Amino acid sequence: MDGMVGQPELGEFLRACRADVTPDAVGLTAGPPRAGRRVRGLRREEVAELAGMSVDYYTRLEQGRHRRPSEAVIDALSRALRLDDTARAHLADLARPVRRRPERPQRQRVRPALQQLVASLTEHPAFVVGRRTDVLAANDLARALLTDWRQLPPHQRNYARWMFFDPAARDRFEDWPTVAAEVVGTLRRDAGRHPDDQLLNELVGELTIKSADFRTWWNDHRVHERTNGTKHMAHPAVGPITIRYQAMALPGDSDQTLFIYTTDPGSSSHDNMRLLAMWAAQEQLHADAEPGMREHAG
């Protein structure tokens, strides 16, 4: 299947990258008019010229006939194709994949001390995302803002699955296409770093089959690394909330990232987040009271 990971993707990534670069962007405007261009972006010979290599060598890279370019070649291609740091790292991952015997990996776990830290952040949504965007831990406010991962079977506690399969996710984000495309880019990055991850392979296959949006963005081959940014959200109970997020890699916990959402003090978003915290507390009180009420009624 075209969307699956674990297949040679170096050539596909190079083709997608050169399709995104216009001749004008790299200064190829001199000389006779370039009328009748039949390709989107750059031609192979133009990339080869910019990277200082032969057209034959670059063609073999795209066709998968030379799969282990040197560090100097990766740097030259990154400059020629105007790759950012994340895309450059992805190119290196694809160029030198570490192939292992496919094994079904164990699902990740969060250290108890980190669980306690996440739970203690009562004023800010906080959650931990692992490989494949698996949600490994979340505090009460994160579950109220996004979704209650505890109510899902363990294999479905995944940010990408929620983003594409739960209609409520589209309502949570005013800029859902941008956020969702970044999630796809995150999975692309994971696929380059872990080409033999069976669970990731299965997740991408399911998303590719069931979501046309996912399929389109996956085939773009763009990669994304979550660091920090702003999201414009809306919650049905309290209204719009503009959040600023920070993503922090956790040393010693491979492929785990702590996300913390904050709002600007004094803003309407800050007020709405406080209302959401109170709303979530009331919802939890009702949930805790229901078993006792049913027992009393019986």
C-alpha atoms as a PDB file:
ATOM      1  CA  MET A   1       0.000   0.000   0.000  1.00  0.00           C
ATOM      2  CA  ASP A   2       1.328   3.483  -0.927  1.00  0.00           C
ATOM      3  CA  GLY A   3       0.882   4.944   2.526  1.00  0.00           C
ATOM      4  CA  MET A   4       2.641   2.259   4.512  1.00  0.00           C
ATOM      5  CA  VAL A   5       5.955   2.798   6.229  1.00  0.00           C
ATOM      6  CA  GLY A   6       8.873   0.442   5.999  1.00  0.00           C
ATOM      7  CA  GLN A   7       9.245   0.834   2.198  1.00  0.00           C
ATOM      8  CA  PRO A   8      12.168   2.746   0.603  1.00  0.00           C
ATOM      9  CA  GLU A   9      11.115   6.384   0.795  1.00  0.00           C
ATOM     10  CA  LEU A  10      14.284   8.356   0.103  1.00  0.00           C
ATOM     11  CA  GLY A  11      13.439   8.883  -3.559  1.00  0.00           C
ATOM     12  CA  GLU A  12       9.834   9.824  -2.793  1.00  0.00           C
ATOM     13  CA  PHE A  13      10.975  12.387  -0.246  1.00  0.00           C
ATOM     14  CA  LEU A  14      13.494  13.933  -2.651  1.00  0.00           C
ATOM     15  CA  ARG A  15      10.870  14.183  -5.402  1.00  0.00           C
ATOM     16  CA  ALA A  16       8.390  15.812  -3.030  1.00  0.00           C
ATOM     17  CA  CYS A  17      11.005  18.302  -1.818  1.00  0.00           C
ATOM     18  CA  ARG A  18      12.119  19.401  -5.268  1.00  0.00           C
ATOM     19  CA  ALA A  19       8.485  19.768  -6.308  1.00  0.00           C
ATOM     20  CA  ASP A  20       8.078  22.324  -3.516  1.00  0.00           C
ATOM     21  CA  VAL A  21      11.010  24.521  -4.624  1.00  0.00           C
ATOM     22  CA  THR A  22      10.493  27.004  -7.442  1.00  0.00           C
ATOM     23  CA  PRO A  23      13.352  28.014  -9.776  1.00  0.00           C
ATOM     24  CA  ASP A  24      12.999  31.636  -8.651  1.00  0.00           C
ATOM     25  CA  ALA A  25      13.449  30.614  -4.996  1.00  0.00           C
ATOM     26  CA  VAL A  26      16.937  29.257  -5.721  1.00  0.00           C
ATOM     27  CA  GLY A  27      17.988  31.957  -8.168  1.00  0.00           C
ATOM     28  CA  LEU A  28      17.509  30.018 -11.393  1.00  0.00           C
ATOM     29  CA  THR A  29      16.062  32.990 -13.273  1.00  0.00           C
ATOM     30  CA  ALA A  30      18.908  33.885 -15.623  1.00  0.00           C
ATOM     31  CA  GLY A  31      19.255  32.653 -19.173  1.00  0.00           C
ATOM     32  CA  PRO A  32      16.533  31.947 -21.742  1.00  0.00           C
ATOM     33  CA  PRO A  33      12.869  31.852 -20.655  1.00  0.00           C
ATOM     34  CA  ARG A  34      11.883  28.589 -19.027  1.00  0.00           C
ATOM     35  CA  ALA A  35       8.715  28.193 -21.043  1.00  0.00           C
ATOM     36  CA  GLY A  36       6.953  24.906 -21.299  1.00  0.00           C
ATOM     37  CA  ARG A  37       8.118  23.472 -17.974  1.00  0.00           C
ATOM     38  CA  ARG A  38       6.437  20.135 -17.495  1.00  0.00           C
ATOM     39  CA  VAL A  39       7.461  19.584 -13.911  1.00  0.00           C
ATOM     40  CA  ARG A  40       6.312  21.234 -10.722  1.00  0.00           C
ATOM     41  CA  GLY A  41       9.253  22.781  -8.915  1.00  0.00           C
ATOM     42  CA  LEU A  42      12.806  21.924  -9.907  1.00  0.00           C
ATOM     43  CA  ARG A  43      14.064  19.478 -12.488  1.00  0.00           C
ATOM     44  CA  ARG A  44      16.484  16.730 -11.519  1.00  0.00           C
ATOM     45  CA  GLU A  45      19.315  18.391 -13.394  1.00  0.00           C
ATOM     46  CA  GLU A  46      18.662  21.650 -11.548  1.00  0.00           C
ATOM     47  CA  VAL A  47      18.869  19.953  -8.155  1.00  0.00           C
ATOM     48  CA  ALA A  48      22.060  18.195  -9.229  1.00  0.00           C
ATOM     49  CA  GLU A  49      23.568  21.498 -10.374  1.00  0.00           C
ATOM     50  CA  LEU A  50      22.655  23.260  -7.131  1.00  0.00           C
ATOM     51  CA  ALA A  51      24.012  20.371  -5.047  1.00  0.00           C
ATOM     52  CA  GLY A  52      27.239  20.064  -7.048  1.00  0.00           C
ATOM     53  CA  MET A  53      26.752  16.472  -8.172  1.00  0.00           C
ATOM     54  CA  SER A  54      26.172  14.675 -11.438  1.00  0.00           C
ATOM     55  CA  VAL A  55      22.665  14.279 -12.788  1.00  0.00           C
ATOM     56  CA  ASP A  56      23.239  10.514 -12.990  1.00  0.00           C
ATOM     57  CA  TYR A  57      24.143  10.304  -9.303  1.00  0.00           C
ATOM     58  CA  TYR A  58      21.119  12.347  -8.221  1.00  0.00           C
ATOM     59  CA  THR A  59      18.853  10.290 -10.503  1.00  0.00           C
ATOM     60  CA  ARG A  60      20.116   7.089  -8.877  1.00  0.00           C
ATOM     61  CA  LEU A  61      19.229   8.544  -5.464  1.00  0.00           C
ATOM     62  CA  GLU A  62      15.671   9.299  -6.546  1.00  0.00           C
ATOM     63  CA  GLN A  63      15.288   5.892  -8.164  1.00  0.00           C
ATOM     64  CA  GLY A  64      16.527   4.045  -5.094  1.00  0.00           C
ATOM     65  CA  ARG A  65      19.643   2.711  -6.796  1.00  0.00           C
ATOM     66  CA  HIS A  66      21.963   4.441  -4.315  1.00  0.00           C
ATOM     67  CA  ARG A  67      20.567   4.492  -0.787  1.00  0.00           C
ATOM     68  CA  ARG A  68      23.441   5.509   1.474  1.00  0.00           C
ATOM     69  CA  PRO A  69      24.682   8.978   0.495  1.00  0.00           C
ATOM     70  CA  SER A  70      27.436  10.528   2.573  1.00  0.00           C
ATOM     71  CA  GLU A  71      27.001  13.295   5.130  1.00  0.00           C
ATOM     72  CA  ALA A  72      28.432  15.771   2.599  1.00  0.00           C
ATOM     73  CA  VAL A  73      25.839  14.735   0.016  1.00  0.00           C
ATOM     74  CA  ILE A  74      23.026  15.081   2.566  1.00  0.00           C
ATOM     75  CA  ASP A  75      24.242  18.586   3.435  1.00  0.00           C
ATOM     76  CA  ALA A  76      24.461  19.556  -0.236  1.00  0.00           C
ATOM     77  CA  LEU A  77      20.966  18.275  -0.976  1.00  0.00           C
ATOM     78  CA  SER A  78      19.585  20.011   2.108  1.00  0.00           C
ATOM     79  CA  ARG A  79      20.985  23.339   0.909  1.00  0.00           C
ATOM     80  CA  ALA A  80      19.818  22.812  -2.668  1.00  0.00           C
ATOM     81  CA  LEU A  81      16.289  21.894  -1.597  1.00  0.00           C
ATOM     82  CA  ARG A  82      16.082  24.580   1.118  1.00  0.00           C
ATOM     83  CA  LEU A  83      15.337  22.042   3.861  1.00  0.00           C
ATOM     84  CA  ASP A  84      14.855  23.184   7.446  1.00  0.00           C
ATOM     85  CA  ASP A  85      16.526  21.358  10.338  1.00  0.00           C
ATOM     86  CA  THR A  86      13.637  18.904  10.780  1.00  0.00           C
ATOM     87  CA  ALA A  87      13.485  17.997   7.094  1.00  0.00           C
ATOM     88  CA  ARG A  88      17.279  17.696   6.954  1.00  0.00           C
ATOM     89  CA  ALA A  89      17.229  15.251   9.893  1.00  0.00           C
ATOM     90  CA  HIS A  90      14.466  13.278   8.171  1.00  0.00           C
ATOM     91  CA  LEU A  91      16.518  13.101   4.983  1.00  0.00           C
ATOM     92  CA  ALA A  92      19.429  11.701   6.996  1.00  0.00           C
ATOM     93  CA  ASP A  93      17.128   9.127   8.630  1.00  0.00           C
ATOM     94  CA  LEU A  94      15.898   7.947   5.231  1.00  0.00           C
ATOM     95  CA  ALA A  95      19.385   7.905   3.765  1.00  0.00           C
ATOM     96  CA  ARG A  96      20.826   5.724   6.516  1.00  0.00           C
ATOM     97  CA  PRO A  97      18.000   3.676   7.991  1.00  0.00           C
ATOM     98  CA  VAL A  98      18.836   1.248  10.767  1.00  0.00           C
ATOM     99  CA  ARG A  99      17.205  -1.969   9.683  1.00  0.00           C
ATOM    100  CA  ARG A 100      16.384  -4.485  12.368  1.00  0.00           C
ATOM    101  CA  ARG A 101      14.362  -7.655  12.436  1.00  0.00           C
ATOM    102  CA  PRO A 102      10.727  -6.499  12.601  1.00  0.00           C
ATOM    103  CA  GLU A 103       9.409  -6.950  16.107  1.00  0.00           C
ATOM    104  CA  ARG A 104       6.156  -5.961  17.704  1.00  0.00           C
ATOM    105  CA  PRO A 105       7.383  -3.279  20.131  1.00  0.00           C
ATOM    106  CA  GLN A 106       6.078  -2.956  23.639  1.00  0.00           C
ATOM    107  CA  ARG A 107       3.889   0.052  24.334  1.00  0.00           C
ATOM    108  CA  GLN A 108       5.661   2.792  26.227  1.00  0.00           C
ATOM    109  CA  ARG A 109       5.084   3.596  29.871  1.00  0.00           C
ATOM    110  CA  VAL A 110       5.474   6.842  31.818  1.00  0.00           C
ATOM    111  CA  ARG A 111       7.563   6.901  34.991  1.00  0.00           C
ATOM    112  CA  PRO A 112       5.440   7.252  38.182  1.00  0.00           C
ATOM    113  CA  ALA A 113       7.238  10.480  39.128  1.00  0.00           C
ATOM    114  CA  LEU A 114       6.346  11.978  35.754  1.00  0.00           C
ATOM    115  CA  GLN A 115       2.741  10.841  36.198  1.00  0.00           C
ATOM    116  CA  GLN A 116       2.667  12.740  39.488  1.00  0.00           C
ATOM    117  CA  LEU A 117       4.176  15.847  37.876  1.00  0.00           C
ATOM    118  CA  VAL A 118       1.573  15.876  35.105  1.00  0.00           C
ATOM    119  CA  ALA A 119      -1.278  15.401  37.599  1.00  0.00           C
ATOM    120  CA  SER A 120       0.038  18.230  39.804  1.00  0.00           C
ATOM    121  CA  LEU A 121      -0.325  20.820  37.011  1.00  0.00           C
ATOM    122  CA  THR A 122      -3.916  21.686  37.867  1.00  0.00           C
ATOM    123  CA  GLU A 123      -4.024  25.119  36.179  1.00  0.00           C
ATOM    124  CA  HIS A 124      -2.660  24.048  32.801  1.00  0.00           C
ATOM    125  CA  PRO A 125      -3.511  21.154  30.503  1.00  0.00           C
ATOM    126  CA  ALA A 126      -0.556  18.786  30.391  1.00  0.00           C
ATOM    127  CA  PHE A 127      -0.029  15.428  28.708  1.00  0.00           C
ATOM    128  CA  VAL A 128       2.750  13.113  27.565  1.00  0.00           C
ATOM    129  CA  VAL A 129       2.916  11.830  23.996  1.00  0.00           C
ATOM    130  CA  GLY A 130       5.127   8.936  22.986  1.00  0.00           C
ATOM    131  CA  ARG A 131       6.121   7.333  19.734  1.00  0.00           C
ATOM    132  CA  ARG A 132       3.364   7.181  17.074  1.00  0.00           C
ATOM    133  CA  THR A 133       1.611  10.019  19.006  1.00  0.00           C
ATOM    134  CA  ASP A 134       0.408   7.557  21.661  1.00  0.00           C
ATOM    135  CA  VAL A 135      -0.998   9.499  24.634  1.00  0.00           C
ATOM    136  CA  LEU A 136       0.766   8.042  27.664  1.00  0.00           C
ATOM    137  CA  ALA A 137      -0.475  10.368  30.424  1.00  0.00           C
ATOM    138  CA  ALA A 138      -2.773  13.373  30.791  1.00  0.00           C
ATOM    139  CA  ASN A 139      -4.042  15.526  33.638  1.00  0.00           C
ATOM    140  CA  ASP A 140      -7.695  16.334  34.301  1.00  0.00           C
ATOM    141  CA  LEU A 141      -7.618  19.639  32.441  1.00  0.00           C
ATOM    142  CA  ALA A 142      -6.051  18.109  29.312  1.00  0.00           C
ATOM    143  CA  ARG A 143      -8.741  15.430  29.274  1.00  0.00           C
ATOM    144  CA  ALA A 144     -11.420  18.119  29.648  1.00  0.00           C
ATOM    145  CA  LEU A 145      -9.985  20.250  26.844  1.00  0.00           C
ATOM    146  CA  LEU A 146      -9.273  17.415  24.409  1.00  0.00           C
ATOM    147  CA  THR A 147     -10.806  14.037  25.239  1.00  0.00           C
ATOM    148  CA  ASP A 148     -10.800  11.566  28.111  1.00  0.00           C
ATOM    149  CA  TRP A 149      -8.232   9.065  26.939  1.00  0.00           C
ATOM    150  CA  ARG A 150      -9.011   6.799  29.916  1.00  0.00           C
ATOM    151  CA  GLN A 151     -12.389   5.960  28.387  1.00  0.00           C
ATOM    152  CA  LEU A 152     -10.714   4.467  25.312  1.00  0.00           C
ATOM    153  CA  PRO A 153      -9.147   1.020  24.924  1.00  0.00           C
ATOM    154  CA  PRO A 154      -5.352   1.222  25.393  1.00  0.00           C
ATOM    155  CA  HIS A 155      -4.565   0.755  21.675  1.00  0.00           C
ATOM    156  CA  GLN A 156      -6.840   3.701  20.789  1.00  0.00           C
ATOM    157  CA  ARG A 157      -5.234   6.215  23.164  1.00  0.00           C
ATOM    158  CA  ASN A 158      -3.498   7.943  20.306  1.00  0.00           C
ATOM    159  CA  TYR A 159      -3.474  11.615  19.355  1.00  0.00           C
ATOM    160  CA  ALA A 160      -3.497  11.008  15.580  1.00  0.00           C
ATOM    161  CA  ARG A 161      -6.387   8.546  15.812  1.00  0.00           C
ATOM    162  CA  TRP A 162      -8.366  11.058  17.847  1.00  0.00           C
ATOM    163  CA  MET A 163      -7.513  13.881  15.435  1.00  0.00           C
ATOM    164  CA  PHE A 164      -8.785  12.032  12.362  1.00  0.00           C
ATOM    165  CA  PHE A 165     -11.438   9.649  13.668  1.00  0.00           C
ATOM    166  CA  ASP A 166     -13.264  11.663  16.358  1.00  0.00           C
ATOM    167  CA  PRO A 167     -15.551  14.371  14.889  1.00  0.00           C
ATOM    168  CA  ALA A 168     -15.171  16.341  18.123  1.00  0.00           C
ATOM    169  CA  ALA A 169     -11.504  16.945  17.306  1.00  0.00           C
ATOM    170  CA  ARG A 170     -12.456  19.030  14.264  1.00  0.00           C
ATOM    171  CA  ASP A 171     -14.637  21.184  16.495  1.00  0.00           C
ATOM    172  CA  ARG A 172     -11.881  21.681  19.076  1.00  0.00           C
ATOM    173  CA  PHE A 173      -9.499  23.413  16.661  1.00  0.00           C
ATOM    174  CA  GLU A 174     -10.457  26.473  14.649  1.00  0.00           C
ATOM    175  CA  ASP A 175      -7.460  25.737  12.394  1.00  0.00           C
ATOM    176  CA  TRP A 176      -7.987  21.963  12.278  1.00  0.00           C
ATOM    177  CA  PRO A 177      -6.401  21.408   8.817  1.00  0.00           C
ATOM    178  CA  THR A 178      -3.153  23.045   9.946  1.00  0.00           C
ATOM    179  CA  VAL A 179      -3.026  21.131  13.228  1.00  0.00           C
ATOM    180  CA  ALA A 180      -3.959  17.828  11.599  1.00  0.00           C
ATOM    181  CA  ALA A 181      -1.364  18.224   8.833  1.00  0.00           C
ATOM    182  CA  GLU A 182       1.298  18.819  11.504  1.00  0.00           C
ATOM    183  CA  VAL A 183       0.258  15.576  13.221  1.00  0.00           C
ATOM    184  CA  VAL A 184       0.789  13.763   9.917  1.00  0.00           C
ATOM    185  CA  GLY A 185       4.213  15.393   9.652  1.00  0.00           C
ATOM    186  CA  THR A 186       5.043  14.131  13.138  1.00  0.00           C
ATOM    187  CA  LEU A 187       4.160  10.571  12.123  1.00  0.00           C
ATOM    188  CA  ARG A 188       6.292  10.978   8.984  1.00  0.00           C
ATOM    189  CA  ARG A 189       9.216  11.977  11.187  1.00  0.00           C
ATOM    190  CA  ASP A 190       8.658   8.940  13.432  1.00  0.00           C
ATOM    191  CA  ALA A 191       8.490   6.698  10.364  1.00  0.00           C
ATOM    192  CA  GLY A 192      11.892   7.915   9.214  1.00  0.00           C
ATOM    193  CA  ARG A 193      13.447   7.352  12.632  1.00  0.00           C
ATOM    194  CA  HIS A 194      11.793   3.959  13.219  1.00  0.00           C
ATOM    195  CA  PRO A 195      11.221   2.351   9.795  1.00  0.00           C
ATOM    196  CA  ASP A 196      10.551  -1.110  11.270  1.00  0.00           C
ATOM    197  CA  ASP A 197       8.006  -0.094  13.910  1.00  0.00           C
ATOM    198  CA  GLN A 198       5.145  -2.527  13.331  1.00  0.00           C
ATOM    199  CA  LEU A 199       2.632  -0.599  15.429  1.00  0.00           C
ATOM    200  CA  LEU A 200       3.402   2.596  13.531  1.00  0.00           C
ATOM    201  CA  ASN A 201       3.039   0.724  10.274  1.00  0.00           C
ATOM    202  CA  GLU A 202      -0.389  -0.528  11.318  1.00  0.00           C
ATOM    203  CA  LEU A 203      -1.496   2.930  12.471  1.00  0.00           C
ATOM    204  CA  VAL A 204      -0.447   4.617   9.226  1.00  0.00           C
ATOM    205  CA  GLY A 205      -2.152   1.884   7.219  1.00  0.00           C
ATOM    206  CA  GLU A 206      -5.438   2.342   9.081  1.00  0.00           C
ATOM    207  CA  LEU A 207      -5.333   6.135   8.802  1.00  0.00           C
ATOM    208  CA  THR A 208      -4.447   5.945   5.109  1.00  0.00           C
ATOM    209  CA  ILE A 209      -7.398   3.672   4.367  1.00  0.00           C
ATOM    210  CA  LYS A 210     -10.000   5.483   6.446  1.00  0.00           C
ATOM    211  CA  SER A 211      -9.111   9.177   6.056  1.00  0.00           C
ATOM    212  CA  ALA A 212      -8.796  10.976   2.725  1.00  0.00           C
ATOM    213  CA  ASP A 213      -7.318  13.996   4.510  1.00  0.00           C
ATOM    214  CA  PHE A 214      -4.628  11.874   6.118  1.00  0.00           C
ATOM    215  CA  ARG A 215      -3.878  10.164   2.806  1.00  0.00           C
ATOM    216  CA  THR A 216      -3.377  13.509   1.048  1.00  0.00           C
ATOM    217  CA  TRP A 217      -1.038  14.933   3.693  1.00  0.00           C
ATOM    218  CA  TRP A 218       0.887  11.676   4.098  1.00  0.00           C
ATOM    219  CA  ASN A 219       1.653  11.648   0.380  1.00  0.00           C
ATOM    220  CA  ASP A 220       3.056  15.194   0.644  1.00  0.00           C
ATOM    221  CA  HIS A 221       6.024  13.755   2.610  1.00  0.00           C
ATOM    222  CA  ARG A 222       6.278  16.840   4.829  1.00  0.00           C
ATOM    223  CA  VAL A 223       7.773  16.351   8.295  1.00  0.00           C
ATOM    224  CA  HIS A 224       7.069  18.288  11.470  1.00  0.00           C
ATOM    225  CA  GLU A 225       8.754  18.513  14.861  1.00  0.00           C
ATOM    226  CA  ARG A 226       6.647  19.788  17.739  1.00  0.00           C
ATOM    227  CA  THR A 227       8.443  22.477  19.742  1.00  0.00           C
ATOM    228  CA  ASN A 228       6.183  25.409  20.591  1.00  0.00           C
ATOM    229  CA  GLY A 229       3.398  27.426  19.067  1.00  0.00           C
ATOM    230  CA  THR A 230      -0.145  28.718  19.310  1.00  0.00           C
ATOM    231  CA  LYS A 231      -3.421  26.890  18.808  1.00  0.00           C
ATOM    232  CA  HIS A 232      -6.855  28.448  18.507  1.00  0.00           C
ATOM    233  CA  MET A 233      -9.317  26.142  20.197  1.00  0.00           C
ATOM    234  CA  ALA A 234     -12.956  26.111  21.238  1.00  0.00           C
ATOM    235  CA  HIS A 235     -14.691  24.063  23.923  1.00  0.00           C
ATOM    236  CA  PRO A 236     -18.482  23.544  23.860  1.00  0.00           C
ATOM    237  CA  ALA A 237     -18.772  24.311  27.573  1.00  0.00           C
ATOM    238  CA  VAL A 238     -16.730  27.538  27.788  1.00  0.00           C
ATOM    239  CA  GLY A 239     -16.106  28.879  24.285  1.00  0.00           C
ATOM    240  CA  PRO A 240     -12.883  29.915  22.481  1.00  0.00           C
ATOM    241  CA  ILE A 241      -9.451  29.423  24.038  1.00  0.00           C
ATOM    242  CA  THR A 242      -6.179  30.489  22.457  1.00  0.00           C
ATOM    243  CA  ILE A 243      -3.399  28.409  23.953  1.00  0.00           C
ATOM    244  CA  ARG A 244       0.360  28.547  23.739  1.00  0.00           C
ATOM    245  CA  TYR A 245       2.039  25.171  23.880  1.00  0.00           C
ATOM    246  CA  GLN A 246       5.512  24.068  24.835  1.00  0.00           C
ATOM    247  CA  ALA A 247       6.800  20.626  23.864  1.00  0.00           C
ATOM    248  CA  MET A 248       9.645  19.308  26.000  1.00  0.00           C
ATOM    249  CA  ALA A 249      11.588  16.147  25.183  1.00  0.00           C
ATOM    250  CA  LEU A 250      12.172  14.003  28.249  1.00  0.00           C
ATOM    251  CA  PRO A 251      15.790  12.900  28.736  1.00  0.00           C
ATOM    252  CA  GLY A 252      16.022   9.220  29.540  1.00  0.00           C
ATOM    253  CA  ASP A 253      12.544   8.499  28.162  1.00  0.00           C
ATOM    254  CA  SER A 254      13.012   7.673  24.503  1.00  0.00           C
ATOM    255  CA  ASP A 255      10.493   9.310  22.161  1.00  0.00           C
ATOM    256  CA  GLN A 256       8.429  10.841  24.983  1.00  0.00           C
ATOM    257  CA  THR A 257       7.396  14.505  24.900  1.00  0.00           C
ATOM    258  CA  LEU A 258       5.684  16.539  27.625  1.00  0.00           C
ATOM    259  CA  PHE A 259       3.166  19.089  26.323  1.00  0.00           C
ATOM    260  CA  ILE A 260       1.991  21.971  28.488  1.00  0.00           C
ATOM    261  CA  TYR A 261      -0.755  24.366  27.347  1.00  0.00           C
ATOM    262  CA  THR A 262      -0.860  27.876  28.793  1.00  0.00           C
ATOM    263  CA  THR A 263      -2.950  31.009  28.223  1.00  0.00           C
ATOM    264  CA  ASP A 264      -2.020  34.670  28.457  1.00  0.00           C
ATOM    265  CA  PRO A 265      -2.785  36.105  31.926  1.00  0.00           C
ATOM    266  CA  GLY A 266      -5.659  38.571  31.890  1.00  0.00           C
ATOM    267  CA  SER A 267      -7.005  37.331  28.555  1.00  0.00           C
ATOM    268  CA  SER A 268     -10.450  35.934  27.847  1.00  0.00           C
ATOM    269  CA  SER A 269      -8.738  32.635  27.054  1.00  0.00           C
ATOM    270  CA  HIS A 270      -7.233  32.605  30.563  1.00  0.00           C
ATOM    271  CA  ASP A 271     -10.696  33.190  32.042  1.00  0.00           C
ATOM    272  CA  ASN A 272     -12.200  30.460  29.872  1.00  0.00           C
ATOM    273  CA  MET A 273      -9.498  28.007  30.897  1.00  0.00           C
ATOM    274  CA  ARG A 274     -10.318  28.656  34.563  1.00  0.00           C
ATOM    275  CA  LEU A 275     -14.006  28.095  33.764  1.00  0.00           C
ATOM    276  CA  LEU A 276     -13.074  24.847  32.032  1.00  0.00           C
ATOM    277  CA  ALA A 277     -11.217  23.700  35.144  1.00  0.00           C
ATOM    278  CA  MET A 278     -14.294  24.392  37.285  1.00  0.00           C
ATOM    279  CA  TRP A 279     -16.561  22.709  34.739  1.00  0.00           C
ATOM    280  CA  ALA A 280     -14.307  19.638  34.675  1.00  0.00           C
ATOM    281  CA  ALA A 281     -14.327  19.462  38.488  1.00  0.00           C
ATOM    282  CA  GLN A 282     -18.128  19.573  38.540  1.00  0.00           C
ATOM    283  CA  GLU A 283     -18.327  16.875  35.877  1.00  0.00           C
ATOM    284  CA  GLN A 284     -16.015  14.688  37.936  1.00  0.00           C
ATOM    285  CA  LEU A 285     -18.163  15.212  41.055  1.00  0.00           C
ATOM    286  CA  HIS A 286     -21.245  14.108  39.141  1.00  0.00           C
ATOM    287  CA  ALA A 287     -19.405  11.078  37.783  1.00  0.00           C
ATOM    288  CA  ASP A 288     -18.179  10.094  41.252  1.00  0.00           C
ATOM    289  CA  ALA A 289     -21.687  10.494  42.699  1.00  0.00           C
ATOM    290  CA  GLU A 290     -23.461   8.402  40.082  1.00  0.00           C
ATOM    291  CA  PRO A 291     -22.450   4.954  41.422  1.00  0.00           C
ATOM    292  CA  GLY A 292     -23.659   5.862  44.910  1.00  0.00           C
ATOM    293  CA  MET A 293     -26.903   7.305  43.561  1.00  0.00           C
ATOM    294  CA  ARG A 294     -27.563   4.140  41.575  1.00  0.00           C
ATOM    295  CA  GLU A 295     -26.801   1.976  44.621  1.00  0.00           C
ATOM    296  CA  HIS A 296     -29.149   4.061  46.791  1.00  0.00           C
ATOM    297  CA  ALA A 297     -31.868   3.912  44.141  1.00  0.00           C
ATOM    298  CA  GLY A 298     -31.539   0.141  43.990  1.00  0.00           C
END
